[in-house]
Amino acid sequence: MIERAEHVYRELGRLFPEAKCELRYVRQIDLLVAVMLSAQTTDAAVNAATPALFAMYPDAAAYAAAPEGKIEETIRHLGLFRAKAKNIRAAATIIALDGGVIPNNQDYLERLPGVGRKTANVFLSEWYHVPRIAVDTHVGRVAYRLGFAPKGDDPAKTERRLMEVFPAERWSDLHHKMIFFGRYFCTARKPSCGICPFVGCCVEPRL
C-alpha cells in the first residue's frame, strides 16, 4: 500500500503540479464562509457570490449583526442557501463573542454551526497550514477507485486510511491534488480512464 501511495502521489504531482484551493478569499472569516458555502456547490459558483458578500461583511461581527434574511439575498443562487445563511450568521455570532479571531483549534471549529470535520480541515490546512486531508466527494471517490478505501466508507474513515499510508507533510498537498484529479480527470460519470496513469490499480476502470 505504501508503494501504491508513492506512485499515486508522484503521478498526481505530474498531472496537477499547481493544485491548490480554488476558493478566493483575503481574510480569515472570508475563508471560513467560503468553505461553508462550498458544500454541494461548485467553487466557481461560490467565487461568483462572495465578492459582494465579503464587501458587505468584513468581519464576524458584521455577519452577526446582519438583518434576518439579508445574507440569504446575497447567496440565493447557491444550493442550500437558507441553511447556509443561518449557519454563517450563527457561527459568526460565536466567533464575534469570542473576540473575532478563529483559533487554530479543531474542536472549536467543529462546534460552530454548519462547520463539520471537512470544513474544519480545509480551514486549518489553508489558513494555519496544519496538515489535514479533507475528504469531500472527489477525494472519497478517488480514494475508493485507487484502492485506498472500500466503497461506501464514510469520510472520517477514508481520512484515517489516507493518513495511514501518506506521510503528514504531504496531507494538505495530497488533498488538493486528489480534488483536482477527481474534479477534472477522474470524474464521477465520465472518467478519463483511457489516459489515466492509475488504470492498472483502479478498482473500476472503464475502458
N, C-alpha and C. Protein backbone atom coordinates (compact mmCIF):
# COMPACT_ATOMS: atom_id res chain seq x y z
N MET A 1 0.82 -1.21 0.00
CA MET A 1 0.00 0.00 0.00
C MET A 1 0.86 1.27 0.00
N ILE A 2 2.00 1.21 0.71
CA ILE A 2 2.91 2.37 0.75
C ILE A 2 3.49 2.63 -0.64
N GLU A 3 3.82 1.55 -1.35
CA GLU A 3 4.33 1.70 -2.71
C GLU A 3 3.29 2.34 -3.61
N ARG A 4 2.04 1.90 -3.48
CA ARG A 4 0.96 2.48 -4.27
C ARG A 4 0.80 3.96 -3.94
N ALA A 5 0.89 4.30 -2.67
CA ALA A 5 0.76 5.69 -2.25
C ALA A 5 1.86 6.56 -2.88
N GLU A 6 3.06 6.03 -2.91
CA GLU A 6 4.17 6.77 -3.53
C GLU A 6 3.91 7.00 -5.00
N HIS A 7 3.45 5.96 -5.68
CA HIS A 7 3.16 6.06 -7.11
C HIS A 7 2.04 7.08 -7.35
N VAL A 8 1.00 7.01 -6.56
CA VAL A 8 -0.13 7.92 -6.72
C VAL A 8 0.30 9.36 -6.49
N TYR A 9 1.03 9.60 -5.43
CA TYR A 9 1.45 10.97 -5.13
C TYR A 9 2.35 11.53 -6.23
N ARG A 10 3.25 10.71 -6.73
CA ARG A 10 4.16 11.14 -7.79
C ARG A 10 3.40 11.50 -9.06
N GLU A 11 2.46 10.63 -9.46
CA GLU A 11 1.71 10.86 -10.69
C GLU A 11 0.72 12.01 -10.57
N LEU A 12 0.11 12.15 -9.39
CA LEU A 12 -0.78 13.29 -9.18
C LEU A 12 0.00 14.60 -9.28
N GLY A 13 1.22 14.59 -8.77
CA GLY A 13 2.07 15.77 -8.86
C GLY A 13 2.43 16.11 -10.30
N ARG A 14 2.60 15.07 -11.11
CA ARG A 14 2.88 15.30 -12.53
C ARG A 14 1.66 15.87 -13.25
N LEU A 15 0.48 15.35 -12.90
CA LEU A 15 -0.75 15.80 -13.55
C LEU A 15 -1.17 17.20 -13.09
N PHE A 16 -1.03 17.46 -11.80
CA PHE A 16 -1.52 18.72 -11.22
C PHE A 16 -0.48 19.34 -10.29
N PRO A 17 0.62 19.82 -10.86
CA PRO A 17 1.69 20.38 -10.02
C PRO A 17 1.28 21.65 -9.28
N GLU A 18 0.29 22.36 -9.79
CA GLU A 18 -0.12 23.63 -9.18
C GLU A 18 -1.45 23.53 -8.43
N ALA A 19 -1.86 22.33 -8.07
CA ALA A 19 -3.15 22.16 -7.39
C ALA A 19 -3.18 22.95 -6.08
N LYS A 20 -4.26 23.68 -5.86
CA LYS A 20 -4.39 24.48 -4.65
C LYS A 20 -5.87 24.79 -4.43
N CYS A 21 -6.17 25.42 -3.31
CA CYS A 21 -7.55 25.81 -3.02
C CYS A 21 -8.01 26.82 -4.07
N GLU A 22 -9.17 26.56 -4.67
CA GLU A 22 -9.68 27.44 -5.72
C GLU A 22 -10.67 28.48 -5.19
N LEU A 23 -11.00 28.40 -3.93
CA LEU A 23 -11.86 29.43 -3.33
C LEU A 23 -11.06 30.70 -3.14
N ARG A 24 -11.69 31.84 -3.45
CA ARG A 24 -10.99 33.12 -3.32
C ARG A 24 -11.36 33.79 -1.99
N TYR A 25 -10.36 34.27 -1.31
CA TYR A 25 -10.58 34.92 -0.01
C TYR A 25 -9.38 35.80 0.33
N VAL A 26 -9.56 36.70 1.28
CA VAL A 26 -8.47 37.53 1.78
C VAL A 26 -8.34 37.36 3.29
N ARG A 27 -9.48 37.53 3.98
CA ARG A 27 -9.46 37.49 5.43
C ARG A 27 -9.82 36.10 5.96
N GLN A 28 -9.53 35.92 7.21
CA GLN A 28 -9.82 34.65 7.88
C GLN A 28 -11.30 34.29 7.80
N ILE A 29 -12.15 35.24 8.11
CA ILE A 29 -13.59 34.98 8.08
C ILE A 29 -14.07 34.70 6.65
N ASP A 30 -13.43 35.34 5.67
CA ASP A 30 -13.77 35.08 4.27
C ASP A 30 -13.58 33.61 3.94
N LEU A 31 -12.45 33.06 4.36
CA LEU A 31 -12.15 31.66 4.05
C LEU A 31 -13.18 30.73 4.69
N LEU A 32 -13.47 30.95 5.96
CA LEU A 32 -14.42 30.07 6.63
C LEU A 32 -15.80 30.13 5.95
N VAL A 33 -16.25 31.33 5.64
CA VAL A 33 -17.55 31.49 4.98
C VAL A 33 -17.54 30.83 3.60
N ALA A 34 -16.48 31.02 2.84
CA ALA A 34 -16.40 30.42 1.50
C ALA A 34 -16.46 28.90 1.58
N VAL A 35 -15.76 28.32 2.54
CA VAL A 35 -15.77 26.86 2.67
C VAL A 35 -17.16 26.38 3.09
N MET A 36 -17.80 27.10 3.98
CA MET A 36 -19.17 26.75 4.38
C MET A 36 -20.12 26.81 3.18
N LEU A 37 -19.94 27.80 2.34
CA LEU A 37 -20.80 27.95 1.16
C LEU A 37 -20.55 26.88 0.11
N SER A 38 -19.36 26.28 0.12
CA SER A 38 -18.99 25.34 -0.95
C SER A 38 -19.64 23.97 -0.82
N ALA A 39 -20.31 23.70 0.28
CA ALA A 39 -20.98 22.40 0.43
C ALA A 39 -22.03 22.22 -0.66
N GLN A 40 -21.91 21.13 -1.42
CA GLN A 40 -22.84 20.81 -2.51
C GLN A 40 -22.97 21.96 -3.51
N THR A 41 -21.91 22.71 -3.68
CA THR A 41 -21.88 23.85 -4.60
C THR A 41 -20.49 23.94 -5.20
N THR A 42 -20.36 24.30 -6.45
CA THR A 42 -19.04 24.39 -7.07
C THR A 42 -18.27 25.61 -6.54
N ASP A 43 -16.96 25.50 -6.56
CA ASP A 43 -16.13 26.62 -6.13
C ASP A 43 -16.35 27.83 -7.03
N ALA A 44 -16.59 27.58 -8.32
CA ALA A 44 -16.83 28.68 -9.26
C ALA A 44 -18.08 29.47 -8.87
N ALA A 45 -19.13 28.77 -8.47
CA ALA A 45 -20.36 29.44 -8.06
C ALA A 45 -20.14 30.23 -6.77
N VAL A 46 -19.38 29.66 -5.85
CA VAL A 46 -19.08 30.36 -4.60
C VAL A 46 -18.27 31.62 -4.89
N ASN A 47 -17.27 31.50 -5.74
CA ASN A 47 -16.42 32.66 -6.07
C ASN A 47 -17.21 33.77 -6.76
N ALA A 48 -18.27 33.41 -7.46
CA ALA A 48 -19.10 34.42 -8.10
C ALA A 48 -19.94 35.18 -7.08
N ALA A 49 -20.29 34.52 -5.98
CA ALA A 49 -21.16 35.13 -4.98
C ALA A 49 -20.40 35.89 -3.89
N THR A 50 -19.18 35.47 -3.60
CA THR A 50 -18.51 36.01 -2.41
C THR A 50 -17.98 37.45 -2.50
N PRO A 51 -17.61 37.98 -3.66
CA PRO A 51 -17.13 39.37 -3.66
C PRO A 51 -18.13 40.34 -3.03
N ALA A 52 -19.39 40.23 -3.40
CA ALA A 52 -20.42 41.11 -2.83
C ALA A 52 -20.60 40.82 -1.35
N LEU A 53 -20.60 39.54 -0.99
CA LEU A 53 -20.78 39.14 0.40
C LEU A 53 -19.64 39.66 1.27
N PHE A 54 -18.41 39.47 0.81
CA PHE A 54 -17.25 39.90 1.59
C PHE A 54 -17.20 41.42 1.73
N ALA A 55 -17.66 42.14 0.71
CA ALA A 55 -17.68 43.60 0.79
C ALA A 55 -18.69 44.08 1.84
N MET A 56 -19.80 43.38 1.96
CA MET A 56 -20.84 43.76 2.91
C MET A 56 -20.49 43.39 4.36
N TYR A 57 -19.74 42.28 4.50
CA TYR A 57 -19.47 41.76 5.85
C TYR A 57 -17.96 41.53 6.02
N PRO A 58 -17.24 42.54 6.49
CA PRO A 58 -15.78 42.44 6.59
C PRO A 58 -15.28 41.64 7.79
N ASP A 59 -16.14 41.34 8.75
CA ASP A 59 -15.70 40.58 9.92
C ASP A 59 -16.86 39.81 10.52
N ALA A 60 -16.56 39.02 11.53
CA ALA A 60 -17.58 38.18 12.15
C ALA A 60 -18.71 39.01 12.75
N ALA A 61 -18.37 40.14 13.34
CA ALA A 61 -19.38 41.00 13.97
C ALA A 61 -20.39 41.51 12.94
N ALA A 62 -19.92 41.79 11.73
CA ALA A 62 -20.81 42.28 10.67
C ALA A 62 -21.80 41.19 10.25
N TYR A 63 -21.33 39.96 10.14
CA TYR A 63 -22.24 38.85 9.83
C TYR A 63 -23.26 38.66 10.95
N ALA A 64 -22.77 38.73 12.19
CA ALA A 64 -23.65 38.52 13.34
C ALA A 64 -24.75 39.57 13.41
N ALA A 65 -24.42 40.80 12.97
CA ALA A 65 -25.38 41.90 13.04
C ALA A 65 -26.25 42.02 11.79
N ALA A 66 -26.03 41.15 10.82
CA ALA A 66 -26.79 41.23 9.57
C ALA A 66 -28.28 41.01 9.84
N PRO A 67 -29.14 41.81 9.25
CA PRO A 67 -30.59 41.61 9.42
C PRO A 67 -31.01 40.22 8.93
N GLU A 68 -31.99 39.66 9.57
CA GLU A 68 -32.50 38.34 9.19
C GLU A 68 -32.86 38.33 7.70
N GLY A 69 -32.31 37.39 6.98
CA GLY A 69 -32.63 37.23 5.56
C GLY A 69 -31.70 38.00 4.63
N LYS A 70 -30.90 38.92 5.16
CA LYS A 70 -30.05 39.74 4.29
C LYS A 70 -28.94 38.91 3.64
N ILE A 71 -28.34 38.01 4.43
CA ILE A 71 -27.31 37.15 3.87
C ILE A 71 -27.91 36.24 2.80
N GLU A 72 -29.13 35.77 3.05
CA GLU A 72 -29.82 34.92 2.07
C GLU A 72 -29.91 35.59 0.71
N GLU A 73 -30.24 36.87 0.70
CA GLU A 73 -30.42 37.59 -0.56
C GLU A 73 -29.16 37.54 -1.41
N THR A 74 -28.00 37.60 -0.76
CA THR A 74 -26.73 37.66 -1.49
C THR A 74 -26.30 36.30 -2.02
N ILE A 75 -26.73 35.22 -1.37
CA ILE A 75 -26.29 33.88 -1.78
C ILE A 75 -27.46 33.04 -2.30
N ARG A 76 -28.54 33.70 -2.70
CA ARG A 76 -29.77 33.00 -3.05
C ARG A 76 -29.58 31.98 -4.18
N HIS A 77 -28.65 32.22 -5.09
CA HIS A 77 -28.49 31.30 -6.22
C HIS A 77 -27.63 30.09 -5.88
N LEU A 78 -27.13 30.01 -4.65
CA LEU A 78 -26.33 28.86 -4.24
C LEU A 78 -27.23 27.79 -3.60
N GLY A 79 -26.80 26.55 -3.69
CA GLY A 79 -27.57 25.47 -3.10
C GLY A 79 -27.64 25.59 -1.58
N LEU A 80 -28.78 25.20 -1.03
CA LEU A 80 -28.99 25.21 0.42
C LEU A 80 -28.76 26.59 1.04
N PHE A 81 -29.10 27.65 0.32
CA PHE A 81 -28.73 29.00 0.74
C PHE A 81 -29.36 29.41 2.07
N ARG A 82 -30.57 28.95 2.35
CA ARG A 82 -31.21 29.35 3.62
C ARG A 82 -30.46 28.77 4.82
N ALA A 83 -30.18 27.47 4.75
CA ALA A 83 -29.45 26.82 5.85
C ALA A 83 -28.05 27.40 5.98
N LYS A 84 -27.40 27.68 4.86
CA LYS A 84 -26.05 28.23 4.91
C LYS A 84 -26.05 29.63 5.52
N ALA A 85 -27.00 30.45 5.13
CA ALA A 85 -27.09 31.81 5.68
C ALA A 85 -27.31 31.76 7.19
N LYS A 86 -28.18 30.89 7.62
CA LYS A 86 -28.47 30.74 9.05
C LYS A 86 -27.22 30.30 9.81
N ASN A 87 -26.52 29.32 9.28
CA ASN A 87 -25.33 28.81 9.95
C ASN A 87 -24.19 29.82 9.96
N ILE A 88 -24.03 30.55 8.86
CA ILE A 88 -22.97 31.58 8.81
C ILE A 88 -23.21 32.64 9.87
N ARG A 89 -24.44 33.08 9.97
CA ARG A 89 -24.79 34.11 10.97
C ARG A 89 -24.58 33.59 12.39
N ALA A 90 -24.99 32.34 12.63
CA ALA A 90 -24.85 31.75 13.96
C ALA A 90 -23.38 31.52 14.32
N ALA A 91 -22.61 31.01 13.37
CA ALA A 91 -21.18 30.77 13.62
C ALA A 91 -20.46 32.09 13.86
N ALA A 92 -20.79 33.09 13.05
CA ALA A 92 -20.15 34.40 13.19
C ALA A 92 -20.47 35.04 14.54
N THR A 93 -21.66 34.81 15.04
CA THR A 93 -22.04 35.35 16.35
C THR A 93 -21.15 34.78 17.44
N ILE A 94 -20.89 33.48 17.38
CA ILE A 94 -20.00 32.84 18.35
C ILE A 94 -18.58 33.39 18.23
N ILE A 95 -18.10 33.48 16.99
CA ILE A 95 -16.74 33.97 16.76
C ILE A 95 -16.59 35.41 17.24
N ALA A 96 -17.60 36.25 16.95
CA ALA A 96 -17.56 37.65 17.37
C ALA A 96 -17.53 37.75 18.90
N LEU A 97 -18.32 36.95 19.57
CA LEU A 97 -18.35 36.96 21.04
C LEU A 97 -17.03 36.48 21.63
N ASP A 98 -16.30 35.66 20.87
CA ASP A 98 -15.01 35.15 21.34
C ASP A 98 -13.84 36.03 20.92
N GLY A 99 -14.14 37.22 20.43
CA GLY A 99 -13.07 38.16 20.09
C GLY A 99 -12.83 38.36 18.62
N GLY A 100 -13.55 37.64 17.79
CA GLY A 100 -13.47 37.86 16.34
C GLY A 100 -12.39 37.10 15.62
N VAL A 101 -11.55 36.36 16.35
CA VAL A 101 -10.47 35.59 15.73
C VAL A 101 -10.82 34.11 15.78
N ILE A 102 -10.69 33.43 14.65
CA ILE A 102 -10.97 32.00 14.59
C ILE A 102 -9.69 31.27 14.98
N PRO A 103 -9.72 30.50 16.07
CA PRO A 103 -8.48 29.89 16.56
C PRO A 103 -8.06 28.66 15.77
N ASN A 104 -6.82 28.30 15.94
CA ASN A 104 -6.26 27.08 15.36
C ASN A 104 -6.65 25.92 16.28
N ASN A 105 -7.92 25.54 16.20
CA ASN A 105 -8.45 24.55 17.14
C ASN A 105 -9.56 23.75 16.46
N GLN A 106 -9.31 22.48 16.22
CA GLN A 106 -10.27 21.62 15.52
C GLN A 106 -11.60 21.51 16.26
N ASP A 107 -11.53 21.29 17.57
CA ASP A 107 -12.76 21.12 18.35
C ASP A 107 -13.61 22.39 18.31
N TYR A 108 -12.96 23.55 18.43
CA TYR A 108 -13.69 24.81 18.39
C TYR A 108 -14.42 24.95 17.06
N LEU A 109 -13.72 24.67 15.98
CA LEU A 109 -14.32 24.81 14.65
C LEU A 109 -15.49 23.86 14.47
N GLU A 110 -15.33 22.62 14.89
CA GLU A 110 -16.39 21.64 14.68
C GLU A 110 -17.61 21.89 15.55
N ARG A 111 -17.47 22.73 16.57
CA ARG A 111 -18.63 23.09 17.38
C ARG A 111 -19.43 24.25 16.78
N LEU A 112 -18.87 24.92 15.78
CA LEU A 112 -19.58 26.02 15.15
C LEU A 112 -20.72 25.49 14.28
N PRO A 113 -21.86 26.16 14.27
CA PRO A 113 -22.98 25.74 13.42
C PRO A 113 -22.57 25.68 11.94
N GLY A 114 -22.86 24.57 11.30
CA GLY A 114 -22.58 24.45 9.88
C GLY A 114 -21.15 24.09 9.54
N VAL A 115 -20.32 23.85 10.56
CA VAL A 115 -18.92 23.51 10.32
C VAL A 115 -18.67 22.06 10.76
N GLY A 116 -18.52 21.17 9.81
CA GLY A 116 -18.20 19.78 10.11
C GLY A 116 -16.71 19.55 10.00
N ARG A 117 -16.32 18.30 10.05
CA ARG A 117 -14.89 17.98 10.03
C ARG A 117 -14.23 18.40 8.71
N LYS A 118 -14.93 18.19 7.59
CA LYS A 118 -14.33 18.56 6.30
C LYS A 118 -14.06 20.05 6.24
N THR A 119 -15.03 20.87 6.62
CA THR A 119 -14.85 22.33 6.60
C THR A 119 -13.74 22.75 7.55
N ALA A 120 -13.71 22.15 8.73
CA ALA A 120 -12.66 22.47 9.70
C ALA A 120 -11.29 22.11 9.14
N ASN A 121 -11.19 20.95 8.51
CA ASN A 121 -9.91 20.52 7.94
C ASN A 121 -9.42 21.46 6.85
N VAL A 122 -10.34 21.86 5.97
CA VAL A 122 -9.96 22.79 4.90
C VAL A 122 -9.47 24.11 5.50
N PHE A 123 -10.21 24.63 6.47
CA PHE A 123 -9.84 25.90 7.08
C PHE A 123 -8.47 25.80 7.76
N LEU A 124 -8.25 24.77 8.55
CA LEU A 124 -6.98 24.63 9.27
C LEU A 124 -5.81 24.45 8.32
N SER A 125 -6.03 23.67 7.27
CA SER A 125 -4.96 23.44 6.30
C SER A 125 -4.62 24.71 5.53
N GLU A 126 -5.65 25.43 5.11
CA GLU A 126 -5.44 26.60 4.25
C GLU A 126 -4.97 27.81 5.04
N TRP A 127 -5.56 28.07 6.21
CA TRP A 127 -5.22 29.29 6.95
C TRP A 127 -4.02 29.10 7.87
N TYR A 128 -4.02 27.99 8.59
CA TYR A 128 -2.96 27.78 9.58
C TYR A 128 -1.89 26.80 9.11
N HIS A 129 -2.05 26.26 7.91
CA HIS A 129 -1.08 25.30 7.32
C HIS A 129 -0.87 24.08 8.21
N VAL A 130 -1.96 23.63 8.84
CA VAL A 130 -1.93 22.41 9.63
C VAL A 130 -2.14 21.23 8.67
N PRO A 131 -1.32 20.19 8.73
CA PRO A 131 -1.50 19.04 7.83
C PRO A 131 -2.87 18.40 8.03
N ARG A 132 -3.67 18.39 6.98
CA ARG A 132 -5.01 17.82 7.05
C ARG A 132 -5.39 17.24 5.69
N ILE A 133 -6.25 16.23 5.70
CA ILE A 133 -6.86 15.70 4.48
C ILE A 133 -8.36 15.87 4.63
N ALA A 134 -8.93 16.75 3.85
CA ALA A 134 -10.37 16.99 3.90
C ALA A 134 -11.04 16.10 2.85
N VAL A 135 -11.88 15.20 3.30
CA VAL A 135 -12.49 14.23 2.38
C VAL A 135 -13.85 14.74 1.90
N ASP A 136 -13.87 15.24 0.67
CA ASP A 136 -15.13 15.62 0.04
C ASP A 136 -15.54 14.50 -0.93
N THR A 137 -16.51 14.75 -1.77
CA THR A 137 -16.96 13.70 -2.69
C THR A 137 -15.86 13.28 -3.67
N HIS A 138 -15.04 14.25 -4.12
CA HIS A 138 -13.96 13.94 -5.05
C HIS A 138 -12.91 13.06 -4.39
N VAL A 139 -12.46 13.46 -3.21
CA VAL A 139 -11.42 12.70 -2.51
C VAL A 139 -11.95 11.30 -2.17
N GLY A 140 -13.18 11.21 -1.71
CA GLY A 140 -13.75 9.91 -1.39
C GLY A 140 -13.83 9.00 -2.59
N ARG A 141 -14.25 9.54 -3.73
CA ARG A 141 -14.35 8.74 -4.96
C ARG A 141 -12.97 8.26 -5.42
N VAL A 142 -12.00 9.16 -5.43
CA VAL A 142 -10.66 8.81 -5.87
C VAL A 142 -10.02 7.80 -4.92
N ALA A 143 -10.21 7.99 -3.62
CA ALA A 143 -9.64 7.06 -2.64
C ALA A 143 -10.19 5.65 -2.86
N TYR A 144 -11.48 5.56 -3.17
CA TYR A 144 -12.08 4.26 -3.44
C TYR A 144 -11.54 3.66 -4.74
N ARG A 145 -11.56 4.43 -5.81
CA ARG A 145 -11.14 3.90 -7.11
C ARG A 145 -9.67 3.48 -7.11
N LEU A 146 -8.85 4.16 -6.33
CA LEU A 146 -7.43 3.82 -6.30
C LEU A 146 -7.09 2.80 -5.22
N GLY A 147 -8.12 2.27 -4.57
CA GLY A 147 -7.90 1.16 -3.65
C GLY A 147 -7.46 1.53 -2.25
N PHE A 148 -7.63 2.79 -1.86
CA PHE A 148 -7.23 3.19 -0.50
C PHE A 148 -8.38 3.07 0.51
N ALA A 149 -9.60 2.95 0.02
CA ALA A 149 -10.75 2.88 0.91
C ALA A 149 -11.85 2.05 0.24
N PRO A 150 -12.60 1.27 1.01
CA PRO A 150 -13.69 0.49 0.42
C PRO A 150 -14.85 1.38 0.00
N LYS A 151 -15.65 0.89 -0.91
CA LYS A 151 -16.81 1.64 -1.37
C LYS A 151 -17.79 1.85 -0.22
N GLY A 152 -18.30 3.06 -0.11
CA GLY A 152 -19.25 3.35 0.96
C GLY A 152 -18.61 3.75 2.27
N ASP A 153 -17.28 3.80 2.31
CA ASP A 153 -16.59 4.23 3.53
C ASP A 153 -17.02 5.65 3.87
N ASP A 154 -17.22 5.94 5.15
CA ASP A 154 -17.59 7.31 5.50
C ASP A 154 -16.35 8.20 5.46
N PRO A 155 -16.52 9.52 5.30
CA PRO A 155 -15.38 10.42 5.14
C PRO A 155 -14.34 10.33 6.25
N ALA A 156 -14.77 10.17 7.49
CA ALA A 156 -13.82 10.09 8.60
C ALA A 156 -12.92 8.86 8.48
N LYS A 157 -13.49 7.72 8.08
CA LYS A 157 -12.71 6.50 7.92
C LYS A 157 -11.76 6.62 6.74
N THR A 158 -12.25 7.22 5.63
CA THR A 158 -11.39 7.43 4.47
C THR A 158 -10.22 8.33 4.84
N GLU A 159 -10.51 9.38 5.58
CA GLU A 159 -9.45 10.29 6.04
C GLU A 159 -8.39 9.52 6.81
N ARG A 160 -8.80 8.69 7.74
CA ARG A 160 -7.84 7.93 8.56
C ARG A 160 -7.03 6.97 7.70
N ARG A 161 -7.69 6.31 6.74
CA ARG A 161 -6.97 5.37 5.88
C ARG A 161 -5.89 6.08 5.06
N LEU A 162 -6.23 7.24 4.53
CA LEU A 162 -5.26 8.00 3.74
C LEU A 162 -4.11 8.50 4.61
N MET A 163 -4.42 8.92 5.82
CA MET A 163 -3.38 9.41 6.74
C MET A 163 -2.42 8.30 7.15
N GLU A 164 -2.89 7.06 7.09
CA GLU A 164 -2.04 5.93 7.47
C GLU A 164 -0.99 5.60 6.42
N VAL A 165 -1.27 5.90 5.15
CA VAL A 165 -0.35 5.50 4.08
C VAL A 165 0.41 6.66 3.46
N PHE A 166 -0.02 7.90 3.73
CA PHE A 166 0.71 9.06 3.23
C PHE A 166 1.32 9.81 4.42
N PRO A 167 2.56 10.26 4.31
CA PRO A 167 3.19 11.00 5.42
C PRO A 167 2.51 12.35 5.65
N ALA A 168 2.53 12.80 6.89
CA ALA A 168 1.80 14.02 7.28
C ALA A 168 2.20 15.23 6.46
N GLU A 169 3.46 15.33 6.09
CA GLU A 169 3.90 16.51 5.35
C GLU A 169 3.29 16.58 3.95
N ARG A 170 2.65 15.51 3.51
CA ARG A 170 2.01 15.51 2.19
C ARG A 170 0.49 15.65 2.26
N TRP A 171 -0.08 15.60 3.43
CA TRP A 171 -1.54 15.53 3.54
C TRP A 171 -2.25 16.68 2.84
N SER A 172 -1.87 17.90 3.16
CA SER A 172 -2.58 19.06 2.60
C SER A 172 -2.41 19.13 1.09
N ASP A 173 -1.20 18.88 0.62
CA ASP A 173 -0.94 18.91 -0.82
C ASP A 173 -1.69 17.77 -1.50
N LEU A 174 -1.68 16.59 -0.89
CA LEU A 174 -2.41 15.45 -1.43
C LEU A 174 -3.90 15.76 -1.56
N HIS A 175 -4.45 16.39 -0.55
CA HIS A 175 -5.86 16.77 -0.55
C HIS A 175 -6.20 17.59 -1.80
N HIS A 176 -5.40 18.60 -2.10
CA HIS A 176 -5.67 19.44 -3.27
C HIS A 176 -5.49 18.65 -4.57
N LYS A 177 -4.46 17.83 -4.63
CA LYS A 177 -4.21 17.07 -5.85
C LYS A 177 -5.32 16.04 -6.10
N MET A 178 -5.82 15.41 -5.05
CA MET A 178 -6.90 14.46 -5.21
C MET A 178 -8.19 15.15 -5.64
N ILE A 179 -8.43 16.34 -5.12
CA ILE A 179 -9.61 17.10 -5.54
C ILE A 179 -9.51 17.45 -7.02
N PHE A 180 -8.36 17.95 -7.45
CA PHE A 180 -8.19 18.29 -8.86
C PHE A 180 -8.35 17.05 -9.74
N PHE A 181 -7.79 15.94 -9.30
CA PHE A 181 -7.88 14.70 -10.08
C PHE A 181 -9.33 14.26 -10.19
N GLY A 182 -10.06 14.33 -9.09
CA GLY A 182 -11.47 13.94 -9.10
C GLY A 182 -12.36 14.92 -9.84
N ARG A 183 -12.00 16.19 -9.79
CA ARG A 183 -12.83 17.23 -10.40
C ARG A 183 -12.60 17.33 -11.91
N TYR A 184 -11.36 17.14 -12.35
CA TYR A 184 -11.03 17.40 -13.75
C TYR A 184 -10.58 16.17 -14.55
N PHE A 185 -10.38 15.05 -13.90
CA PHE A 185 -9.84 13.88 -14.60
C PHE A 185 -10.64 12.62 -14.29
N CYS A 186 -10.66 12.22 -13.03
CA CYS A 186 -11.38 11.02 -12.61
C CYS A 186 -12.79 11.41 -12.15
N THR A 187 -13.57 11.92 -13.09
CA THR A 187 -14.90 12.43 -12.76
C THR A 187 -15.87 11.27 -12.46
N ALA A 188 -16.99 11.61 -11.84
CA ALA A 188 -17.93 10.58 -11.41
C ALA A 188 -18.50 9.79 -12.58
N ARG A 189 -18.95 10.49 -13.64
CA ARG A 189 -19.66 9.81 -14.73
C ARG A 189 -18.78 9.47 -15.92
N LYS A 190 -17.83 10.33 -16.26
CA LYS A 190 -17.01 10.08 -17.44
C LYS A 190 -15.53 10.26 -17.12
N PRO A 191 -14.96 9.35 -16.34
CA PRO A 191 -13.53 9.45 -16.01
C PRO A 191 -12.67 9.21 -17.24
N SER A 192 -11.50 9.82 -17.25
CA SER A 192 -10.59 9.71 -18.41
C SER A 192 -9.71 8.46 -18.28
N CYS A 193 -10.34 7.31 -18.24
CA CYS A 193 -9.62 6.06 -18.00
C CYS A 193 -8.61 5.74 -19.11
N GLY A 194 -8.92 6.14 -20.33
CA GLY A 194 -8.04 5.80 -21.45
C GLY A 194 -6.65 6.39 -21.35
N ILE A 195 -6.50 7.48 -20.62
CA ILE A 195 -5.18 8.11 -20.48
C ILE A 195 -4.76 8.21 -19.01
N CYS A 196 -5.39 7.42 -18.17
CA CYS A 196 -5.13 7.50 -16.73
C CYS A 196 -3.88 6.70 -16.34
N PRO A 197 -2.97 7.30 -15.57
CA PRO A 197 -1.77 6.57 -15.15
C PRO A 197 -2.06 5.53 -14.07
N PHE A 198 -3.28 5.52 -13.54
CA PHE A 198 -3.62 4.60 -12.46
C PHE A 198 -4.56 3.47 -12.91
N VAL A 199 -4.77 3.35 -14.21
CA VAL A 199 -5.75 2.38 -14.68
C VAL A 199 -5.39 0.96 -14.23
N GLY A 200 -4.13 0.68 -14.05
CA GLY A 200 -3.70 -0.65 -13.64
C GLY A 200 -4.04 -1.00 -12.21
N CYS A 201 -4.23 0.01 -11.37
CA CYS A 201 -4.56 -0.26 -9.96
C CYS A 201 -5.95 0.22 -9.60
N CYS A 202 -6.72 0.71 -10.59
CA CYS A 202 -8.07 1.19 -10.34
C CYS A 202 -9.01 0.02 -10.12
N VAL A 203 -9.93 0.14 -9.16
CA VAL A 203 -10.85 -0.96 -8.86
C VAL A 203 -12.04 -0.99 -9.81
N GLU A 204 -12.26 0.09 -10.59
CA GLU A 204 -13.36 0.07 -11.55
C GLU A 204 -13.00 0.84 -12.82
N PRO A 205 -11.97 0.38 -13.55
CA PRO A 205 -11.61 1.05 -14.82
C PRO A 205 -12.74 0.93 -15.84
N ARG A 206 -12.93 1.97 -16.62
CA ARG A 206 -14.00 1.96 -17.64
C ARG A 206 -13.38 2.11 -19.01
N LEU A 207 -12.74 1.07 -19.46
CA LEU A 207 -12.06 1.11 -20.76
C LEU A 207 -12.92 0.48 -21.83
